[in-house]
Protein backbone atom coordinates (compact mmCIF):
# COMPACT_ATOMS: atom_id res chain seq x y z
CA UNK A 1 76.82 79.30 -62.21
CA UNK A 2 75.44 77.33 -65.16
CA UNK A 3 72.52 74.98 -64.74
CA UNK A 4 73.51 71.40 -64.03
CA UNK A 5 72.15 69.03 -66.68
CA UNK A 6 72.39 65.30 -67.29
CA UNK A 7 75.29 66.12 -69.65
CA UNK A 8 77.04 67.91 -66.78
CA UNK A 9 76.68 64.78 -64.62
CA UNK A 10 78.19 62.57 -67.33
CA UNK A 11 81.01 65.08 -67.88
CA UNK A 12 81.89 64.99 -64.18
CA UNK A 13 82.06 61.19 -64.35
CA UNK A 14 84.20 61.24 -67.49
CA UNK A 15 86.64 63.74 -65.95
CA UNK A 16 86.92 61.78 -62.71
CA UNK A 17 85.25 64.50 -60.62
CA UNK A 18 82.95 63.44 -57.79
CA UNK A 19 79.23 64.18 -58.14
CA UNK A 20 77.46 65.62 -55.10
CA UNK A 21 73.81 65.08 -54.22
CA UNK A 22 71.55 65.73 -51.24
CA UNK A 23 67.84 65.40 -50.64
CA UNK A 24 65.59 68.39 -49.98
CA UNK A 25 62.06 68.57 -48.62
CA UNK A 26 61.24 72.30 -48.75
CA UNK A 27 61.93 75.48 -50.73
CA UNK A 28 64.45 77.11 -48.38
CA UNK A 29 66.57 73.97 -47.93
CA UNK A 30 66.64 73.46 -51.71
CA UNK A 31 67.74 77.09 -52.11
CA UNK A 32 70.59 76.69 -49.61
CA UNK A 33 71.77 73.43 -51.21
CA UNK A 34 71.71 75.15 -54.59
CA UNK A 35 73.79 78.04 -53.26
CA UNK A 36 76.24 75.57 -51.68
CA UNK A 37 77.01 74.08 -55.08
CA UNK A 38 75.30 70.67 -54.77
CA UNK A 39 75.06 69.07 -58.23
CA UNK A 40 71.85 67.07 -57.79
CA UNK A 41 69.00 67.98 -55.44
CA UNK A 42 66.87 64.90 -54.91
CA UNK A 43 63.21 65.14 -53.97
CA UNK A 44 63.47 61.87 -52.10
CA UNK A 45 60.42 59.82 -51.22
CA UNK A 46 62.27 59.53 -47.90
CA UNK A 47 60.31 62.70 -47.11
CA UNK A 48 57.53 60.25 -46.20
CA UNK A 49 59.47 59.49 -43.01
CA UNK A 50 61.64 62.58 -42.58
CA UNK A 51 59.04 65.28 -43.30
CA UNK A 52 55.69 63.53 -42.81
CA UNK A 53 56.39 61.01 -40.05
CA UNK A 54 55.34 57.86 -41.93
CA UNK A 55 57.02 54.56 -41.10
CA UNK A 56 58.15 53.75 -44.66
CA UNK A 57 58.25 55.32 -48.11
CA UNK A 58 55.21 53.26 -49.12
CA UNK A 59 52.77 55.74 -47.60
CA UNK A 60 53.48 58.72 -49.83
CA UNK A 61 51.68 59.23 -53.14
CA UNK A 62 51.85 61.36 -56.26
CA UNK A 63 49.81 64.28 -54.90
CA UNK A 64 52.16 64.80 -51.96
CA UNK A 65 55.29 64.31 -54.08
CA UNK A 66 54.06 66.88 -56.58
CA UNK A 67 53.55 69.49 -53.86
CA UNK A 68 57.04 69.00 -52.47
CA UNK A 69 58.68 68.76 -55.89
CA UNK A 70 57.14 72.04 -57.03
CA UNK A 71 58.47 73.87 -53.96
CA UNK A 72 61.94 72.36 -54.23
CA UNK A 73 62.20 73.10 -57.95
CA UNK A 74 61.55 76.77 -57.18
CA UNK A 75 64.37 76.76 -54.63
CA UNK A 76 66.99 74.86 -56.64
CA UNK A 77 67.28 76.78 -59.88
CA UNK A 78 70.85 75.70 -60.75
CA UNK A 79 71.15 72.13 -59.48
CA UNK A 80 69.60 69.21 -61.33
CA UNK A 81 66.31 68.48 -59.52
CA UNK A 82 65.48 64.76 -59.61
CA UNK A 83 62.14 63.60 -58.21
CA UNK A 84 61.55 60.14 -56.83
CA UNK A 85 58.62 58.34 -58.42
CA UNK A 86 56.65 57.19 -55.35
CA UNK A 87 55.49 53.66 -54.60
CA UNK A 88 52.86 52.37 -57.08
CA UNK A 89 53.01 55.50 -59.24
CA UNK A 90 54.72 53.59 -62.07
CA UNK A 91 53.86 49.94 -61.48
CA UNK A 92 50.30 49.46 -62.79
CA UNK A 93 50.81 50.18 -66.51
CA UNK A 94 53.27 51.94 -68.77
CA UNK A 95 50.92 54.73 -69.85
CA UNK A 96 50.14 55.72 -66.25
CA UNK A 97 53.82 55.56 -65.35
CA UNK A 98 54.81 57.91 -68.18
CA UNK A 99 51.93 60.26 -67.38
CA UNK A 100 52.96 60.46 -63.71
CA UNK A 101 56.60 61.02 -64.62
CA UNK A 102 55.49 63.77 -66.97
CA UNK A 103 53.61 65.48 -64.14
CA UNK A 104 56.87 65.69 -62.20
CA UNK A 105 58.55 67.42 -65.15
CA UNK A 106 55.64 69.79 -65.68
CA UNK A 107 55.92 71.21 -62.16
CA UNK A 108 59.68 71.72 -62.25
CA UNK A 109 61.68 68.49 -61.84
CA UNK A 110 64.22 67.91 -64.59
CA UNK A 111 64.47 64.14 -64.16
CA UNK A 112 62.82 61.31 -62.22
CA UNK A 113 64.20 58.32 -60.32
CA UNK A 114 62.79 54.81 -60.66
CA UNK A 115 63.72 51.91 -58.36
CA UNK A 116 64.49 48.42 -59.55
CA UNK A 117 65.00 46.66 -62.86
CA UNK A 118 62.84 44.15 -64.72
CA UNK A 119 61.39 43.89 -68.21
CA UNK A 120 58.38 46.02 -67.35
CA UNK A 121 60.45 48.76 -65.68
CA UNK A 122 62.88 48.80 -68.59
CA UNK A 123 59.94 49.50 -70.89
CA UNK A 124 58.73 52.27 -68.57
CA UNK A 125 62.21 53.83 -68.56
CA UNK A 126 62.53 53.65 -72.35
CA UNK A 127 59.09 55.20 -72.84
CA UNK A 128 59.86 58.00 -70.37
CA UNK A 129 63.13 58.81 -72.10
CA UNK A 130 61.37 58.64 -75.46
CA UNK A 131 58.95 61.25 -74.12
CA UNK A 132 61.80 63.55 -73.10
CA UNK A 133 61.91 62.60 -69.43
CA UNK A 134 65.44 61.81 -68.14
CA UNK A 135 65.52 58.83 -65.75
CA UNK A 136 67.90 57.91 -62.93
CA UNK A 137 68.00 54.26 -61.89
CA UNK A 138 68.27 52.82 -58.36
CA UNK A 139 69.72 49.40 -57.46
CA UNK A 140 71.07 47.59 -54.41
CA UNK A 141 68.79 48.20 -51.47
CA UNK A 142 65.58 49.61 -52.93
CA UNK A 143 63.30 50.96 -50.15
CA UNK A 144 60.10 50.51 -52.15
CA UNK A 145 60.86 46.75 -52.24
CA UNK A 146 61.49 46.63 -48.48
CA UNK A 147 58.91 43.90 -47.87
CA UNK A 148 60.15 41.60 -50.64
CA UNK A 149 63.82 42.17 -49.74
CA UNK A 150 62.94 41.24 -46.17
CA UNK A 151 64.26 44.28 -44.30
CA UNK A 152 67.06 46.81 -44.40
CA UNK A 153 69.64 44.37 -45.71
CA UNK A 154 72.97 45.04 -47.45
CA UNK A 155 72.84 43.94 -51.09
CA UNK A 156 75.61 42.52 -53.29
CA UNK A 157 77.49 40.71 -50.51
CA UNK A 158 78.65 37.84 -52.73
CA UNK A 159 80.32 37.58 -56.13
CA UNK A 160 77.10 36.22 -57.65
CA UNK A 161 74.96 38.97 -56.08
CA UNK A 162 77.39 41.63 -57.31
CA UNK A 163 77.23 40.26 -60.86
CA UNK A 164 73.43 40.28 -60.66
CA UNK A 165 73.40 43.98 -59.70
CA UNK A 166 75.93 44.73 -62.46
CA UNK A 167 73.79 42.91 -65.03
CA UNK A 168 70.75 44.95 -63.99
CA UNK A 169 72.83 48.12 -64.08
CA UNK A 170 73.92 47.35 -67.64
CA UNK A 171 70.29 46.80 -68.63
CA UNK A 172 69.36 50.16 -67.11
CA UNK A 173 72.29 51.76 -68.91
CA UNK A 174 71.13 50.26 -72.22
CA UNK A 175 67.60 51.52 -71.57
CA UNK A 176 69.02 55.04 -71.31
CA UNK A 177 69.29 56.04 -67.64
CA UNK A 178 71.75 58.88 -67.08
CA UNK A 179 72.92 57.65 -63.65
CA UNK A 180 72.28 54.86 -61.15
CA UNK A 181 71.98 55.12 -57.37
CA UNK A 182 73.66 52.22 -55.54
CA UNK A 183 72.33 51.87 -52.00
CA UNK A 184 73.74 49.76 -49.16
CA UNK A 185 76.23 47.84 -51.27
CA UNK A 186 79.70 46.77 -50.03
CA UNK A 187 82.43 49.14 -51.18
CA UNK A 188 84.25 46.51 -53.23
CA UNK A 189 81.07 45.48 -55.03
CA UNK A 190 80.12 49.09 -55.76
CA UNK A 191 83.62 49.79 -57.09
CA UNK A 192 83.44 46.80 -59.43
CA UNK A 193 80.01 47.83 -60.71
CA UNK A 194 81.10 51.45 -61.19
CA UNK A 195 84.20 50.48 -63.17
CA UNK A 196 82.10 48.40 -65.55
CA UNK A 197 79.55 51.09 -66.39
CA UNK A 198 79.71 54.10 -68.65
CA UNK A 199 77.05 56.03 -66.71
CA UNK A 200 77.80 57.47 -63.25
CA UNK A 201 76.92 55.68 -60.03
CA UNK A 202 75.71 57.68 -57.03
CA UNK A 203 76.42 55.88 -53.77
CA UNK A 204 74.50 55.93 -50.52
CA UNK A 205 76.13 53.53 -48.11
CA UNK A 206 78.10 52.12 -51.06
CA UNK A 207 81.64 53.15 -50.19
CA UNK A 208 84.18 55.58 -51.61
CA UNK A 209 84.52 54.51 -55.23
CA UNK A 210 81.16 55.46 -56.73
CA UNK A 211 81.06 58.38 -59.18
CA UNK A 212 79.32 60.47 -56.52
CA UNK A 213 77.55 60.44 -53.19
CA UNK A 214 74.05 61.20 -51.94
CA UNK A 215 72.74 61.52 -48.38
CA UNK A 216 69.51 62.59 -46.71
CA UNK A 217 69.96 66.27 -45.87
CA UNK A 218 68.21 66.00 -42.50
CA UNK A 219 70.76 63.32 -41.52
CA UNK A 220 73.79 65.48 -42.28
CA UNK A 221 72.17 68.52 -40.65
CA UNK A 222 71.45 66.50 -37.50
CA UNK A 223 67.77 67.43 -37.74
CA UNK A 224 66.13 64.00 -38.07
CA UNK A 225 66.86 62.19 -34.82
CA UNK A 226 64.61 59.09 -34.97
CA UNK A 227 67.58 57.13 -36.29
CA UNK A 228 70.86 57.77 -38.10
CA UNK A 229 72.19 55.29 -40.69
CA UNK A 230 75.75 53.98 -40.29
CA UNK A 231 76.77 55.64 -43.57
CA UNK A 232 75.41 59.13 -42.75
CA UNK A 233 77.85 61.72 -41.39
CA UNK A 234 76.44 64.51 -39.19
CA UNK A 235 77.82 67.93 -40.08
CA UNK A 236 75.63 69.81 -37.61
CA UNK A 237 73.07 69.44 -34.85
CA UNK A 238 69.91 71.23 -35.95
CA UNK A 239 67.87 69.00 -33.65
CA UNK A 240 69.52 70.55 -30.60
CA UNK A 241 69.57 74.06 -32.11
CA UNK A 242 65.84 74.02 -32.93
CA UNK A 243 64.97 72.54 -29.52
CA UNK A 244 67.08 75.13 -27.68
CA UNK A 245 65.60 78.02 -29.69
CA UNK A 246 62.05 76.81 -29.03
CA UNK A 247 62.72 76.37 -25.30
CA UNK A 248 64.18 79.88 -25.03
CA UNK A 249 61.19 81.31 -26.91
CA UNK A 250 58.78 79.58 -24.53
CA UNK A 251 60.64 81.02 -21.52
CA UNK A 252 60.74 84.52 -22.99
CA UNK A 253 57.01 84.53 -23.72
CA UNK A 254 56.14 83.13 -20.30
CA UNK A 255 58.38 85.70 -18.57
CA UNK A 256 57.09 88.60 -20.72
CA UNK A 257 60.53 89.10 -22.27
CA UNK A 258 59.10 88.71 -25.77
CA UNK A 259 58.18 90.85 -27.57
CA UNK A 260 60.51 93.67 -26.60
CA UNK A 261 60.15 97.40 -27.29
CA UNK A 262 62.04 96.94 -30.57
CA UNK A 263 59.72 94.13 -31.75
CA UNK A 264 56.35 95.89 -31.56
CA UNK A 265 54.39 98.45 -33.57
CA UNK A 266 53.14 101.60 -31.80
CA UNK A 267 50.57 104.26 -32.62
CA UNK A 268 51.65 107.85 -33.16
CA UNK A 269 50.63 110.40 -30.52
CA UNK A 270 47.78 111.64 -32.75
CA UNK A 271 46.56 108.09 -33.44
CA UNK A 272 46.71 107.32 -29.74
CA UNK A 273 44.75 110.50 -28.89
CA UNK A 274 42.05 109.59 -31.42
CA UNK A 275 41.82 106.07 -29.99
CA UNK A 276 41.44 107.45 -26.45
CA UNK A 277 38.76 109.94 -27.56
CA UNK A 278 36.88 107.15 -29.30
CA UNK A 279 37.02 105.03 -26.15
CA UNK A 280 35.76 107.95 -23.99
CA UNK A 281 32.89 108.76 -26.38
CA UNK A 282 31.87 105.11 -26.43
CA UNK A 283 31.69 105.04 -22.62
CA UNK A 284 29.64 108.30 -22.54
């Protein structure tokens, strides 16, 4: 299959075809998502919680994101790999922001995602795009602004709030983003915003009428069990599978059932004879 590009994503939107996206946090998962036909593989900063056990996305930095992004980019060779710009990696000054975004591209990402919209961020986005770095926007609930939003709250619940998100989305569109994630927005609000944009919207907890959908892969696999968002559908139960496999392994080792005859390496008769002679000579 051909590589997915930002032009592919826009073409899907224009043709009314839904865009698919999932997060990945390691090489093998990225490879499997790629083989499954996922359009966008997101190196989400949600790996801070899902893969590293942090409480929020605030705790992960550029060094960690670069390590994960490099591995995922090697696994997903067809899908469009988009890397989240972590908290405070693009907020201090424009030059640093562009440099950090460029580092993501250098190690294999083909686009970056930036949360929020204000005059400063619009300049960052324009400068990134001017440097050849595609940018995805992110509005609605923006996890990196958790403390200023005041918690995990649904955004765009009124007509005025919906218009505010739409206005920001249009500013992002004008700045050149190729798509916008809408997170935790009522379905009707997300539909209105989507219909008034030329670029695709990718919903997460934003209803059925966005141009596409994204979820955390560990949520749909049933692997991350600390909590499950209302909008995440479980397609499997890896938590139980992994736990059962580990428990059976422990029992087999404790009961000397592992390894079996088929799972060991053995010396040839000549090698065994030489080993025995060496042991005898050492004793003598």
